Amino acid sequence: MGFKSSEWAYGDSVPKLTAPERAVLVALAHCRNDKTGNCYPGQDLLVKMTDLSEKTVRRAIATLEARQPPLIARTIRFNGRYRTSDSYELLFDNYRSERPPVTVTTGQDDHWSESPSPPVTVSPTTGHSDHPIEEQEVEQEAGNRKVSLSPLTPDLDAEFDRAWAHWPKKEDRKRSLLKFKSAARRRDVSILVADIIRFGDAYASARDRQYTPGLATWLERERWTDELPTRPMTRTEQNMAVVADLAAREAEEQQRGLTA
């Protein structure tokens, strides 16, 4: 989950956006991994996260790309002939907040010293002051404040409920929750939830639905690396497959007759 990215998307440095544009930008920032920079949620996931229509999500993405300067850059990804989830880059450097230095007064009471300490100037860009001791105190206080006030820590129970709603086999929920929290310690929560939703929806429409594993087992074996289960063919697809097979056989027989 992109904590730093989400702070940027919520922050004052990003220009005024419409509600859908802000929702999509925050969702992209939420899906971005701050360590690797990877961000490639599918549009179906963005629709679920923002509660917007697919058309509105596409329009918001296009607007975020078209801004001058742009807020995001999108790369369309393909796996052979098939398009996969696009990758997104959040363009932080285009929208950095330039604030003046912050002056922090650290004077002591008169009963400790007759001459109070001078003000300490701290640069929000570099984070350094002209007094090393006071600088450490300011950094420690800012760090504590950031930890205590940050609303971005993921609610694992809520994230699990969102993923559980898409899993077709409802069994052993308590053990599944424990395995989910264990997996969340070694895998980004937003990516883990997206994988569960993606596989859960695929299992729900798979040809052999009776072989759907329990979510606890699926998480324990890290089966998000498996191939997606296949869905049953529609009647039209079955007919097209039969016609294609007959055409191939006729072409093969004609080829044999020419070479005989």
Foldseek 3Di string as FASTA:
>chain_A
DQLVQLCLLPDPLDDDDDPLLSLLSNVQNLQADPVPRWGFDALVLSCVSSVDDSVSSVVSVVVQVPDVVHQKDWDWDADVPHTDTITMGGPVVVGDDQDAWDKDADFDDVVVDVDTDDIWTAHPVPQDTPDVVVSVVVVVVVVVVCVVPRPPDDDLVVLLVLLQVLAPDDDDSVLLSVLLVVLVVVDPSSVVSSLSNVQSNLLVQAPCVVPRDDNNVCSVVVVSPPDRGHGDDDPVRVVVVVVVVVVVVVVVVVVVVVVD
